[in-house]
Amino acid sequence: LIGLNKHMKNLFAKHPMLRPMPVFIIAVFIGLYFPSALGGGHH
């Protein structure tokens, strides 16, 4: 968690507004094929 957080922060240091985009794209695919994994995961 800490290592990936630092890496993403450095990777998008010049364009922080783009930082959520890779996760958003992955969330779309997970939402289509394994929606229970989204959110807190209550389901």
PDB file of all heavy atoms in Angstrom:
ATOM      1  N   LEU A   1       0.829  -1.212   0.000  1.00  0.00           N
ATOM      2  CA  LEU A   1       0.000   0.000   0.000  1.00  0.00           C
ATOM      3  C   LEU A   1       0.859   1.256   0.000  1.00  0.00           C
ATOM      4  O   LEU A   1       0.671   2.162  -0.830  1.00  0.00           O
ATOM      5  CB  LEU A   1      -0.925  -0.004   1.219  1.00  0.00           C
ATOM      6  CG  LEU A   1      -1.871   1.200   1.330  1.00  0.00           C
ATOM      7  CD1 LEU A   1      -3.040   1.036   0.368  1.00  0.00           C
ATOM      8  CD2 LEU A   1      -2.383   1.364   2.751  1.00  0.00           C
ATOM      9  N   ILE A   2       1.828   1.328   0.914  1.00  0.00           N
ATOM     10  CA  ILE A   2       2.677   2.519   1.023  1.00  0.00           C
ATOM     11  C   ILE A   2       3.575   2.659  -0.196  1.00  0.00           C
ATOM     12  O   ILE A   2       3.731   3.755  -0.757  1.00  0.00           O
ATOM     13  CB  ILE A   2       3.520   2.468   2.309  1.00  0.00           C
ATOM     14  CG1 ILE A   2       2.615   2.377   3.545  1.00  0.00           C
ATOM     15  CG2 ILE A   2       4.418   3.686   2.403  1.00  0.00           C
ATOM     16  CD1 ILE A   2       1.632   3.503   3.688  1.00  0.00           C
ATOM     17  N   GLY A   3       4.161   1.543  -0.634  1.00  0.00           N
ATOM     18  CA  GLY A   3       5.054   1.592  -1.792  1.00  0.00           C
ATOM     19  C   GLY A   3       4.334   2.012  -3.060  1.00  0.00           C
ATOM     20  O   GLY A   3       4.824   2.859  -3.816  1.00  0.00           O
ATOM     21  N   LEU A   4       3.160   1.439  -3.306  1.00  0.00           N
ATOM     22  CA  LEU A   4       2.402   1.783  -4.512  1.00  0.00           C
ATOM     23  C   LEU A   4       1.889   3.215  -4.447  1.00  0.00           C
ATOM     24  O   LEU A   4       1.867   3.921  -5.469  1.00  0.00           O
ATOM     25  CB  LEU A   4       1.231   0.811  -4.677  1.00  0.00           C
ATOM     26  CG  LEU A   4       0.436   0.903  -5.984  1.00  0.00           C
ATOM     27  CD1 LEU A   4       1.337   0.683  -7.183  1.00  0.00           C
ATOM     28  CD2 LEU A   4      -0.702  -0.114  -5.983  1.00  0.00           C
ATOM     29  N   ASN A   5       1.510   3.662  -3.257  1.00  0.00           N
ATOM     30  CA  ASN A   5       1.033   5.040  -3.099  1.00  0.00           C
ATOM     31  C   ASN A   5       2.142   6.038  -3.440  1.00  0.00           C
ATOM     32  O   ASN A   5       1.911   7.031  -4.138  1.00  0.00           O
ATOM     33  CB  ASN A   5       0.556   5.248  -1.658  1.00  0.00           C
ATOM     34  CG  ASN A   5      -0.238   6.527  -1.497  1.00  0.00           C
ATOM     35  OD1 ASN A   5      -1.104   6.842  -2.295  1.00  0.00           O
ATOM     36  ND2 ASN A   5       0.066   7.280  -0.454  1.00  0.00           N
ATOM     37  N   LYS A   6       3.354   5.779  -2.971  1.00  0.00           N
ATOM     38  CA  LYS A   6       4.486   6.654  -3.281  1.00  0.00           C
ATOM     39  C   LYS A   6       4.812   6.621  -4.773  1.00  0.00           C
ATOM     40  O   LYS A   6       5.113   7.651  -5.387  1.00  0.00           O
ATOM     41  CB  LYS A   6       5.714   6.236  -2.463  1.00  0.00           C
ATOM     42  CG  LYS A   6       5.630   6.564  -0.981  1.00  0.00           C
ATOM     43  CD  LYS A   6       6.904   6.169  -0.271  1.00  0.00           C
ATOM     44  CE  LYS A   6       6.845   6.545   1.205  1.00  0.00           C
ATOM     45  NZ  LYS A   6       8.074   6.120   1.932  1.00  0.00           N
ATOM     46  N   HIS A   7       4.764   5.422  -5.351  1.00  0.00           N
ATOM     47  CA  HIS A   7       5.084   5.289  -6.772  1.00  0.00           C
ATOM     48  C   HIS A   7       4.094   6.065  -7.637  1.00  0.00           C
ATOM     49  O   HIS A   7       4.496   6.787  -8.562  1.00  0.00           O
ATOM     50  CB  HIS A   7       5.073   3.813  -7.167  1.00  0.00           C
ATOM     51  CG  HIS A   7       5.308   3.576  -8.625  1.00  0.00           C
ATOM     52  ND1 HIS A   7       6.543   3.758  -9.224  1.00  0.00           N
ATOM     53  CD2 HIS A   7       4.454   3.188  -9.622  1.00  0.00           C
ATOM     54  CE1 HIS A   7       6.451   3.501 -10.517  1.00  0.00           C
ATOM     55  NE2 HIS A   7       5.197   3.147 -10.784  1.00  0.00           N
ATOM     56  N   MET A   8       2.809   5.938  -7.345  1.00  0.00           N
ATOM     57  CA  MET A   8       1.795   6.651  -8.125  1.00  0.00           C
ATOM     58  C   MET A   8       1.911   8.159  -7.927  1.00  0.00           C
ATOM     59  O   MET A   8       1.711   8.941  -8.867  1.00  0.00           O
ATOM     60  CB  MET A   8       0.406   6.171  -7.719  1.00  0.00           C
ATOM     61  CG  MET A   8       0.095   4.746  -8.133  1.00  0.00           C
ATOM     62  SD  MET A   8      -0.211   4.575  -9.905  1.00  0.00           S
ATOM     63  CE  MET A   8      -1.890   5.226  -9.989  1.00  0.00           C
ATOM     64  N   LYS A   9       2.241   8.576  -6.714  1.00  0.00           N
ATOM     65  CA  LYS A   9       2.396  10.007  -6.443  1.00  0.00           C
ATOM     66  C   LYS A   9       3.546  10.577  -7.264  1.00  0.00           C
ATOM     67  O   LYS A   9       3.449  11.668  -7.832  1.00  0.00           O
ATOM     68  CB  LYS A   9       2.646  10.233  -4.950  1.00  0.00           C
ATOM     69  CG  LYS A   9       2.658  11.696  -4.533  1.00  0.00           C
ATOM     70  CD  LYS A   9       2.988  11.843  -3.057  1.00  0.00           C
ATOM     71  CE  LYS A   9       1.922  11.241  -2.190  1.00  0.00           C
ATOM     72  NZ  LYS A   9       2.193  11.473  -0.738  1.00  0.00           N
ATOM     73  N   ASN A  10       4.663   9.839  -7.339  1.00  0.00           N
ATOM     74  CA  ASN A  10       5.810  10.303  -8.131  1.00  0.00           C
ATOM     75  C   ASN A  10       5.525  10.228  -9.628  1.00  0.00           C
ATOM     76  O   ASN A  10       5.942  11.101 -10.398  1.00  0.00           O
ATOM     77  CB  ASN A  10       7.044   9.461  -7.789  1.00  0.00           C
ATOM     78  CG  ASN A  10       7.512   9.655  -6.363  1.00  0.00           C
ATOM     79  OD1 ASN A  10       7.290  10.708  -5.770  1.00  0.00           O
ATOM     80  ND2 ASN A  10       8.148   8.654  -5.789  1.00  0.00           N
ATOM     81  N   LEU A  11       4.816   9.172 -10.035  1.00  0.00           N
ATOM     82  CA  LEU A  11       4.545   8.968 -11.458  1.00  0.00           C
ATOM     83  C   LEU A  11       3.683  10.083 -12.036  1.00  0.00           C
ATOM     84  O   LEU A  11       3.883  10.521 -13.168  1.00  0.00           O
ATOM     85  CB  LEU A  11       3.859   7.610 -11.657  1.00  0.00           C
ATOM     86  CG  LEU A  11       3.632   7.150 -13.101  1.00  0.00           C
ATOM     87  CD1 LEU A  11       4.969   6.957 -13.809  1.00  0.00           C
ATOM     88  CD2 LEU A  11       2.827   5.859 -13.124  1.00  0.00           C
ATOM     89  N   PHE A  12       2.727  10.566 -11.225  1.00  0.00           N
ATOM     90  CA  PHE A  12       1.818  11.607 -11.698  1.00  0.00           C
ATOM     91  C   PHE A  12       2.067  12.937 -10.984  1.00  0.00           C
ATOM     92  O   PHE A  12       1.135  13.734 -10.821  1.00  0.00           O
ATOM     93  CB  PHE A  12       0.366  11.169 -11.478  1.00  0.00           C
ATOM     94  CG  PHE A  12      -0.056  10.008 -12.332  1.00  0.00           C
ATOM     95  CD1 PHE A  12      -0.010   8.720 -11.830  1.00  0.00           C
ATOM     96  CD2 PHE A  12      -0.477  10.205 -13.634  1.00  0.00           C
ATOM     97  CE1 PHE A  12      -0.397   7.641 -12.607  1.00  0.00           C
ATOM     98  CE2 PHE A  12      -0.861   9.132 -14.423  1.00  0.00           C
ATOM     99  CZ  PHE A  12      -0.815   7.841 -13.911  1.00  0.00           C
ATOM    100  N   ALA A  13       3.322  13.158 -10.595  1.00  0.00           N
ATOM    101  CA  ALA A  13       3.650  14.389  -9.868  1.00  0.00           C
ATOM    102  C   ALA A  13       3.355  15.635 -10.698  1.00  0.00           C
ATOM    103  O   ALA A  13       2.889  16.648 -10.172  1.00  0.00           O
ATOM    104  CB  ALA A  13       5.121  14.366  -9.457  1.00  0.00           C
ATOM    105  N   LYS A  14       3.608  15.576 -12.001  1.00  0.00           N
ATOM    106  CA  LYS A  14       3.387  16.744 -12.861  1.00  0.00           C
ATOM    107  C   LYS A  14       1.936  16.872 -13.316  1.00  0.00           C
ATOM    108  O   LYS A  14       1.505  17.962 -13.704  1.00  0.00           O
ATOM    109  CB  LYS A  14       4.309  16.657 -14.077  1.00  0.00           C
ATOM    110  CG  LYS A  14       5.796  16.777 -13.732  1.00  0.00           C
ATOM    111  CD  LYS A  14       6.643  16.768 -14.988  1.00  0.00           C
ATOM    112  CE  LYS A  14       8.120  16.935 -14.659  1.00  0.00           C
ATOM    113  NZ  LYS A  14       8.962  16.914 -15.882  1.00  0.00           N
ATOM    114  N   HIS A  15       1.202  15.755 -13.280  1.00  0.00           N
ATOM    115  CA  HIS A  15      -0.200  15.780 -13.717  1.00  0.00           C
ATOM    116  C   HIS A  15      -1.058  15.019 -12.695  1.00  0.00           C
ATOM    117  O   HIS A  15      -1.579  13.928 -12.995  1.00  0.00           O
ATOM    118  CB  HIS A  15      -0.342  15.148 -15.108  1.00  0.00           C
ATOM    119  CG  HIS A  15       0.533  15.775 -16.142  1.00  0.00           C
ATOM    120  ND1 HIS A  15       0.269  17.009 -16.710  1.00  0.00           N
ATOM    121  CD2 HIS A  15       1.697  15.340 -16.707  1.00  0.00           C
ATOM    122  CE1 HIS A  15       1.212  17.301 -17.586  1.00  0.00           C
ATOM    123  NE2 HIS A  15       2.096  16.310 -17.608  1.00  0.00           N
ATOM    124  N   PRO A  16      -1.217  15.564 -11.499  1.00  0.00           N
ATOM    125  CA  PRO A  16      -1.945  14.835 -10.443  1.00  0.00           C
ATOM    126  C   PRO A  16      -3.398  14.541 -10.779  1.00  0.00           C
ATOM    127  O   PRO A  16      -3.964  13.578 -10.265  1.00  0.00           O
ATOM    128  CB  PRO A  16      -1.833  15.778  -9.230  1.00  0.00           C
ATOM    129  CG  PRO A  16      -1.551  17.130  -9.807  1.00  0.00           C
ATOM    130  CD  PRO A  16      -0.749  16.880 -11.042  1.00  0.00           C
ATOM    131  N   MET A  17      -4.013  15.346 -11.651  1.00  0.00           N
ATOM    132  CA  MET A  17      -5.411  15.106 -11.993  1.00  0.00           C
ATOM    133  C   MET A  17      -5.593  13.816 -12.796  1.00  0.00           C
ATOM    134  O   MET A  17      -6.697  13.272 -12.875  1.00  0.00           O
ATOM    135  CB  MET A  17      -5.975  16.288 -12.783  1.00  0.00           C
ATOM    136  CG  MET A  17      -6.022  17.593 -12.013  1.00  0.00           C
ATOM    137  SD  MET A  17      -7.059  17.483 -10.542  1.00  0.00           S
ATOM    138  CE  MET A  17      -8.665  17.302 -11.304  1.00  0.00           C
ATOM    139  N   LEU A  18      -4.525  13.316 -13.410  1.00  0.00           N
ATOM    140  CA  LEU A  18      -4.604  12.074 -14.179  1.00  0.00           C
ATOM    141  C   LEU A  18      -4.377  10.843 -13.315  1.00  0.00           C
ATOM    142  O   LEU A  18      -4.564   9.709 -13.783  1.00  0.00           O
ATOM    143  CB  LEU A  18      -3.576  12.092 -15.313  1.00  0.00           C
ATOM    144  CG  LEU A  18      -3.742  13.187 -16.367  1.00  0.00           C
ATOM    145  CD1 LEU A  18      -2.622  13.079 -17.406  1.00  0.00           C
ATOM    146  CD2 LEU A  18      -5.106  13.081 -17.044  1.00  0.00           C
ATOM    147  N   ARG A  19      -3.984  11.043 -12.079  1.00  0.00           N
ATOM    148  CA  ARG A  19      -3.628   9.919 -11.204  1.00  0.00           C
ATOM    149  C   ARG A  19      -4.761   8.906 -11.005  1.00  0.00           C
ATOM    150  O   ARG A  19      -4.515   7.701 -10.982  1.00  0.00           O
ATOM    151  CB  ARG A  19      -3.148  10.473  -9.858  1.00  0.00           C
ATOM    152  CG  ARG A  19      -2.636   9.438  -8.882  1.00  0.00           C
ATOM    153  CD  ARG A  19      -2.070  10.123  -7.658  1.00  0.00           C
ATOM    154  NE  ARG A  19      -1.864   9.212  -6.564  1.00  0.00           N
ATOM    155  CZ  ARG A  19      -1.501   9.580  -5.342  1.00  0.00           C
ATOM    156  NH1 ARG A  19      -1.292  10.850  -5.083  1.00  0.00           N
ATOM    157  NH2 ARG A  19      -1.346   8.681  -4.394  1.00  0.00           N
ATOM    158  N   PRO A  20      -6.026   9.323 -10.880  1.00  0.00           N
ATOM    159  CA  PRO A  20      -7.096   8.327 -10.682  1.00  0.00           C
ATOM    160  C   PRO A  20      -7.487   7.543 -11.934  1.00  0.00           C
ATOM    161  O   PRO A  20      -8.196   6.545 -11.824  1.00  0.00           O
ATOM    162  CB  PRO A  20      -8.290   9.174 -10.200  1.00  0.00           C
ATOM    163  CG  PRO A  20      -7.735  10.509  -9.850  1.00  0.00           C
ATOM    164  CD  PRO A  20      -6.538  10.701 -10.714  1.00  0.00           C
ATOM    165  N   MET A  21      -7.039   7.990 -13.113  1.00  0.00           N
ATOM    166  CA  MET A  21      -7.541   7.403 -14.357  1.00  0.00           C
ATOM    167  C   MET A  21      -7.233   5.908 -14.508  1.00  0.00           C
ATOM    168  O   MET A  21      -8.121   5.138 -14.889  1.00  0.00           O
ATOM    169  CB  MET A  21      -7.009   8.185 -15.555  1.00  0.00           C
ATOM    170  CG  MET A  21      -7.573   9.605 -15.664  1.00  0.00           C
ATOM    171  SD  MET A  21      -9.387   9.643 -15.593  1.00  0.00           S
ATOM    172  CE  MET A  21      -9.790   8.704 -17.058  1.00  0.00           C
ATOM    173  N   PRO A  22      -5.998   5.441 -14.243  1.00  0.00           N
ATOM    174  CA  PRO A  22      -5.742   3.990 -14.386  1.00  0.00           C
ATOM    175  C   PRO A  22      -6.643   3.158 -13.481  1.00  0.00           C
ATOM    176  O   PRO A  22      -7.153   2.106 -13.901  1.00  0.00           O
ATOM    177  CB  PRO A  22      -4.264   3.856 -13.991  1.00  0.00           C
ATOM    178  CG  PRO A  22      -3.676   5.203 -14.206  1.00  0.00           C
ATOM    179  CD  PRO A  22      -4.758   6.171 -13.894  1.00  0.00           C
ATOM    180  N   VAL A  23      -6.857   3.631 -12.256  1.00  0.00           N
ATOM    181  CA  VAL A  23      -7.710   2.890 -11.329  1.00  0.00           C
ATOM    182  C   VAL A  23      -9.155   2.902 -11.814  1.00  0.00           C
ATOM    183  O   VAL A  23      -9.874   1.896 -11.711  1.00  0.00           O
ATOM    184  CB  VAL A  23      -7.615   3.498  -9.914  1.00  0.00           C
ATOM    185  CG1 VAL A  23      -8.457   2.703  -8.927  1.00  0.00           C
ATOM    186  CG2 VAL A  23      -6.170   3.525  -9.449  1.00  0.00           C
ATOM    187  N   PHE A  24      -9.588   4.036 -12.351  1.00  0.00           N
ATOM    188  CA  PHE A  24     -10.962   4.125 -12.870  1.00  0.00           C
ATOM    189  C   PHE A  24     -11.185   3.134 -14.000  1.00  0.00           C
ATOM    190  O   PHE A  24     -12.220   2.451 -14.058  1.00  0.00           O
ATOM    191  CB  PHE A  24     -11.235   5.553 -13.347  1.00  0.00           C
ATOM    192  CG  PHE A  24     -12.578   5.733 -13.986  1.00  0.00           C
ATOM    193  CD1 PHE A  24     -13.728   5.776 -13.215  1.00  0.00           C
ATOM    194  CD2 PHE A  24     -12.699   5.831 -15.363  1.00  0.00           C
ATOM    195  CE1 PHE A  24     -14.975   5.923 -13.811  1.00  0.00           C
ATOM    196  CE2 PHE A  24     -13.934   5.974 -15.964  1.00  0.00           C
ATOM    197  CZ  PHE A  24     -15.081   6.025 -15.180  1.00  0.00           C
ATOM    198  N   ILE A  25     -10.211   3.022 -14.901  1.00  0.00           N
ATOM    199  CA  ILE A  25     -10.334   2.099 -16.032  1.00  0.00           C
ATOM    200  C   ILE A  25     -10.418   0.656 -15.533  1.00  0.00           C
ATOM    201  O   ILE A  25     -11.245  -0.145 -15.996  1.00  0.00           O
ATOM    202  CB  ILE A  25      -9.150   2.276 -17.000  1.00  0.00           C
ATOM    203  CG1 ILE A  25      -9.212   3.670 -17.648  1.00  0.00           C
ATOM    204  CG2 ILE A  25      -9.147   1.190 -18.068  1.00  0.00           C
ATOM    205  CD1 ILE A  25      -7.985   4.043 -18.433  1.00  0.00           C
ATOM    206  N   ILE A  26      -9.558   0.316 -14.565  1.00  0.00           N
ATOM    207  CA  ILE A  26      -9.592  -1.036 -13.997  1.00  0.00           C
ATOM    208  C   ILE A  26     -10.917  -1.293 -13.288  1.00  0.00           C
ATOM    209  O   ILE A  26     -11.487  -2.389 -13.367  1.00  0.00           O
ATOM    210  CB  ILE A  26      -8.400  -1.237 -13.040  1.00  0.00           C
ATOM    211  CG1 ILE A  26      -7.095  -1.237 -13.838  1.00  0.00           C
ATOM    212  CG2 ILE A  26      -8.538  -2.535 -12.250  1.00  0.00           C
ATOM    213  CD1 ILE A  26      -5.863  -1.296 -12.983  1.00  0.00           C
ATOM    214  N   ALA A  27     -11.425  -0.266 -12.594  1.00  0.00           N
ATOM    215  CA  ALA A  27     -12.706  -0.412 -11.883  1.00  0.00           C
ATOM    216  C   ALA A  27     -13.841  -0.718 -12.849  1.00  0.00           C
ATOM    217  O   ALA A  27     -14.777  -1.459 -12.502  1.00  0.00           O
ATOM    218  CB  ALA A  27     -13.003   0.856 -11.087  1.00  0.00           C
ATOM    219  N   VAL A  28     -13.789  -0.161 -14.052  1.00  0.00           N
ATOM    220  CA  VAL A  28     -14.825  -0.433 -15.056  1.00  0.00           C
ATOM    221  C   VAL A  28     -14.847  -1.920 -15.405  1.00  0.00           C
ATOM    222  O   VAL A  28     -15.908  -2.557 -15.431  1.00  0.00           O
ATOM    223  CB  VAL A  28     -14.589   0.419 -16.323  1.00  0.00           C
ATOM    224  CG1 VAL A  28     -15.525  -0.038 -17.441  1.00  0.00           C
ATOM    225  CG2 VAL A  28     -14.804   1.888 -16.016  1.00  0.00           C
ATOM    226  N   PHE A  29     -13.661  -2.508 -15.637  1.00  0.00           N
ATOM    227  CA  PHE A  29     -13.591  -3.927 -15.996  1.00  0.00           C
ATOM    228  C   PHE A  29     -14.000  -4.816 -14.827  1.00  0.00           C
ATOM    229  O   PHE A  29     -14.698  -5.821 -15.008  1.00  0.00           O
ATOM    230  CB  PHE A  29     -12.179  -4.277 -16.471  1.00  0.00           C
ATOM    231  CG  PHE A  29     -11.879  -3.781 -17.857  1.00  0.00           C
ATOM    232  CD1 PHE A  29     -11.177  -2.596 -18.042  1.00  0.00           C
ATOM    233  CD2 PHE A  29     -12.304  -4.486 -18.970  1.00  0.00           C
ATOM    234  CE1 PHE A  29     -10.900  -2.125 -19.323  1.00  0.00           C
ATOM    235  CE2 PHE A  29     -12.026  -4.028 -20.253  1.00  0.00           C
ATOM    236  CZ  PHE A  29     -11.328  -2.836 -20.424  1.00  0.00           C
ATOM    237  N   ILE A  30     -13.574  -4.450 -13.614  1.00  0.00           N
ATOM    238  CA  ILE A  30     -13.981  -5.232 -12.442  1.00  0.00           C
ATOM    239  C   ILE A  30     -15.482  -5.127 -12.226  1.00  0.00           C
ATOM    240  O   ILE A  30     -16.151  -6.097 -11.864  1.00  0.00           O
ATOM    241  CB  ILE A  30     -13.207  -4.758 -11.190  1.00  0.00           C
ATOM    242  CG1 ILE A  30     -11.727  -5.129 -11.320  1.00  0.00           C
ATOM    243  CG2 ILE A  30     -13.786  -5.368  -9.919  1.00  0.00           C
ATOM    244  CD1 ILE A  30     -10.880  -4.720 -10.141  1.00  0.00           C
ATOM    245  N   GLY A  31     -16.035  -3.919 -12.470  1.00  0.00           N
ATOM    246  CA  GLY A  31     -17.473  -3.747 -12.333  1.00  0.00           C
ATOM    247  C   GLY A  31     -18.262  -4.596 -13.311  1.00  0.00           C
ATOM    248  O   GLY A  31     -19.372  -5.038 -13.018  1.00  0.00           O
ATOM    249  N   LEU A  32     -17.687  -4.859 -14.489  1.00  0.00           N
ATOM    250  CA  LEU A  32     -18.373  -5.676 -15.495  1.00  0.00           C
ATOM    251  C   LEU A  32     -18.286  -7.162 -15.192  1.00  0.00           C
ATOM    252  O   LEU A  32     -19.240  -7.911 -15.413  1.00  0.00           O
ATOM    253  CB  LEU A  32     -17.776  -5.390 -16.880  1.00  0.00           C
ATOM    254  CG  LEU A  32     -18.059  -4.011 -17.479  1.00  0.00           C
ATOM    255  CD1 LEU A  32     -17.262  -3.818 -18.767  1.00  0.00           C
ATOM    256  CD2 LEU A  32     -19.553  -3.828 -17.742  1.00  0.00           C
ATOM    257  N   TYR A  33     -17.116  -7.607 -14.677  1.00  0.00           N
ATOM    258  CA  TYR A  33     -16.884  -9.040 -14.545  1.00  0.00           C
ATOM    259  C   TYR A  33     -16.868  -9.545 -13.102  1.00  0.00           C
ATOM    260  O   TYR A  33     -17.031 -10.740 -12.864  1.00  0.00           O
ATOM    261  CB  TYR A  33     -15.557  -9.409 -15.230  1.00  0.00           C
ATOM    262  CG  TYR A  33     -15.559  -9.110 -16.703  1.00  0.00           C
ATOM    263  CD1 TYR A  33     -14.876  -8.012 -17.221  1.00  0.00           C
ATOM    264  CD2 TYR A  33     -16.274  -9.915 -17.596  1.00  0.00           C
ATOM    265  CE1 TYR A  33     -14.889  -7.719 -18.581  1.00  0.00           C
ATOM    266  CE2 TYR A  33     -16.290  -9.642 -18.960  1.00  0.00           C
ATOM    267  CZ  TYR A  33     -15.597  -8.539 -19.436  1.00  0.00           C
ATOM    268  OH  TYR A  33     -15.626  -8.265 -20.772  1.00  0.00           O
ATOM    269  N   PHE A  34     -16.627  -8.646 -12.124  1.00  0.00           N
ATOM    270  CA  PHE A  34     -16.579  -9.079 -10.723  1.00  0.00           C
ATOM    271  C   PHE A  34     -17.031  -7.928  -9.833  1.00  0.00           C
ATOM    272  O   PHE A  34     -16.269  -7.420  -9.024  1.00  0.00           O
ATOM    273  CB  PHE A  34     -15.154  -9.520 -10.364  1.00  0.00           C
ATOM    274  CG  PHE A  34     -15.073 -10.309  -9.091  1.00  0.00           C
ATOM    275  CD1 PHE A  34     -16.082 -11.173  -8.708  1.00  0.00           C
ATOM    276  CD2 PHE A  34     -13.960 -10.184  -8.272  1.00  0.00           C
ATOM    277  CE1 PHE A  34     -15.997 -11.899  -7.540  1.00  0.00           C
ATOM    278  CE2 PHE A  34     -13.858 -10.902  -7.091  1.00  0.00           C
ATOM    279  CZ  PHE A  34     -14.882 -11.774  -6.731  1.00  0.00           C
ATOM    280  N   PRO A  35     -18.279  -7.477  -9.987  1.00  0.00           N
ATOM    281  CA  PRO A  35     -18.740  -6.258  -9.312  1.00  0.00           C
ATOM    282  C   PRO A  35     -18.694  -6.326  -7.793  1.00  0.00           C
ATOM    283  O   PRO A  35     -18.621  -5.286  -7.136  1.00  0.00           O
ATOM    284  CB  PRO A  35     -20.182  -6.100  -9.818  1.00  0.00           C
ATOM    285  CG  PRO A  35     -20.593  -7.454 -10.279  1.00  0.00           C
ATOM    286  CD  PRO A  35     -19.348  -8.095 -10.802  1.00  0.00           C
ATOM    287  N   SER A  36     -18.728  -7.523  -7.223  1.00  0.00           N
ATOM    288  CA  SER A  36     -18.702  -7.638  -5.760  1.00  0.00           C
ATOM    289  C   SER A  36     -17.411  -7.107  -5.160  1.00  0.00           C
ATOM    290  O   SER A  36     -17.365  -6.767  -3.977  1.00  0.00           O
ATOM    291  CB  SER A  36     -18.895  -9.101  -5.347  1.00  0.00           C
ATOM    292  OG  SER A  36     -20.164  -9.581  -5.744  1.00  0.00           O
ATOM    293  N   ALA A  37     -16.341  -7.036  -5.962  1.00  0.00           N
ATOM    294  CA  ALA A  37     -15.051  -6.572  -5.449  1.00  0.00           C
ATOM    295  C   ALA A  37     -14.980  -5.060  -5.327  1.00  0.00           C
ATOM    296  O   ALA A  37     -14.040  -4.527  -4.736  1.00  0.00           O
ATOM    297  CB  ALA A  37     -13.921  -7.062  -6.352  1.00  0.00           C
ATOM    298  N   LEU A  38     -15.969  -4.358  -5.902  1.00  0.00           N
ATOM    299  CA  LEU A  38     -15.952  -2.896  -5.832  1.00  0.00           C
ATOM    300  C   LEU A  38     -16.425  -2.427  -4.462  1.00  0.00           C
ATOM    301  O   LEU A  38     -17.054  -3.163  -3.712  1.00  0.00           O
ATOM    302  CB  LEU A  38     -16.844  -2.307  -6.914  1.00  0.00           C
ATOM    303  CG  LEU A  38     -16.427  -2.565  -8.360  1.00  0.00           C
ATOM    304  CD1 LEU A  38     -17.451  -1.973  -9.309  1.00  0.00           C
ATOM    305  CD2 LEU A  38     -15.052  -1.982  -8.634  1.00  0.00           C
ATOM    306  N   GLY A  39     -16.140  -1.177  -4.169  1.00  0.00           N
ATOM    307  CA  GLY A  39     -16.584  -0.587  -2.907  1.00  0.00           C
ATOM    308  C   GLY A  39     -15.963  -1.278  -1.710  1.00  0.00           C
ATOM    309  O   GLY A  39     -14.848  -1.793  -1.769  1.00  0.00           O
ATOM    310  N   GLY A  40     -16.704  -1.258  -0.597  1.00  0.00           N
ATOM    311  CA  GLY A  40     -16.192  -1.912   0.606  1.00  0.00           C
ATOM    312  C   GLY A  40     -16.145  -3.409   0.482  1.00  0.00           C
ATOM    313  O   GLY A  40     -15.394  -4.073   1.176  1.00  0.00           O
ATOM    314  N   GLY A  41     -16.972  -3.970  -0.407  1.00  0.00           N
ATOM    315  CA  GLY A  41     -16.970  -5.414  -0.607  1.00  0.00           C
ATOM    316  C   GLY A  41     -17.971  -6.160   0.258  1.00  0.00           C
ATOM    317  O   GLY A  41     -17.789  -7.347   0.538  1.00  0.00           O
ATOM    318  N   HIS A  42     -19.041  -5.482   0.687  1.00  0.00           N
ATOM    319  CA  HIS A  42     -20.030  -6.118   1.563  1.00  0.00           C
ATOM    320  C   HIS A  42     -20.581  -7.411   0.953  1.00  0.00           C
ATOM    321  O   HIS A  42     -20.801  -8.396   1.662  1.00  0.00           O
ATOM    322  CB  HIS A  42     -21.206  -5.161   1.822  1.00  0.00           C
ATOM    323  CG  HIS A  42     -20.819  -3.895   2.510  1.00  0.00           C
ATOM    324  ND1 HIS A  42     -20.042  -2.930   1.904  1.00  0.00           N
ATOM    325  CD2 HIS A  42     -21.087  -3.435   3.763  1.00  0.00           C
ATOM    326  CE1 HIS A  42     -19.860  -1.924   2.741  1.00  0.00           C
ATOM    327  NE2 HIS A  42     -20.484  -2.198   3.869  1.00  0.00           N
ATOM    328  N   HIS A  43     -20.783  -7.403  -0.377  1.00  0.00           N
ATOM    329  CA  HIS A  43     -21.406  -8.559  -1.019  1.00  0.00           C
ATOM    330  C   HIS A  43     -20.482  -9.776  -1.022  1.00  0.00           C
ATOM    331  O   HIS A  43     -20.956 -10.910  -1.167  1.00  0.00           O
ATOM    332  CB  HIS A  43     -21.815  -8.213  -2.450  1.00  0.00           C
ATOM    333  CG  HIS A  43     -22.803  -7.091  -2.534  1.00  0.00           C
ATOM    334  ND1 HIS A  43     -24.089  -7.205  -2.060  1.00  0.00           N
ATOM    335  CD2 HIS A  43     -22.698  -5.823  -3.018  1.00  0.00           C
ATOM    336  CE1 HIS A  43     -24.747  -6.073  -2.244  1.00  0.00           C
ATOM    337  NE2 HIS A  43     -23.916  -5.218  -2.825  1.00  0.00           N
TER     338      HIS A  43
END
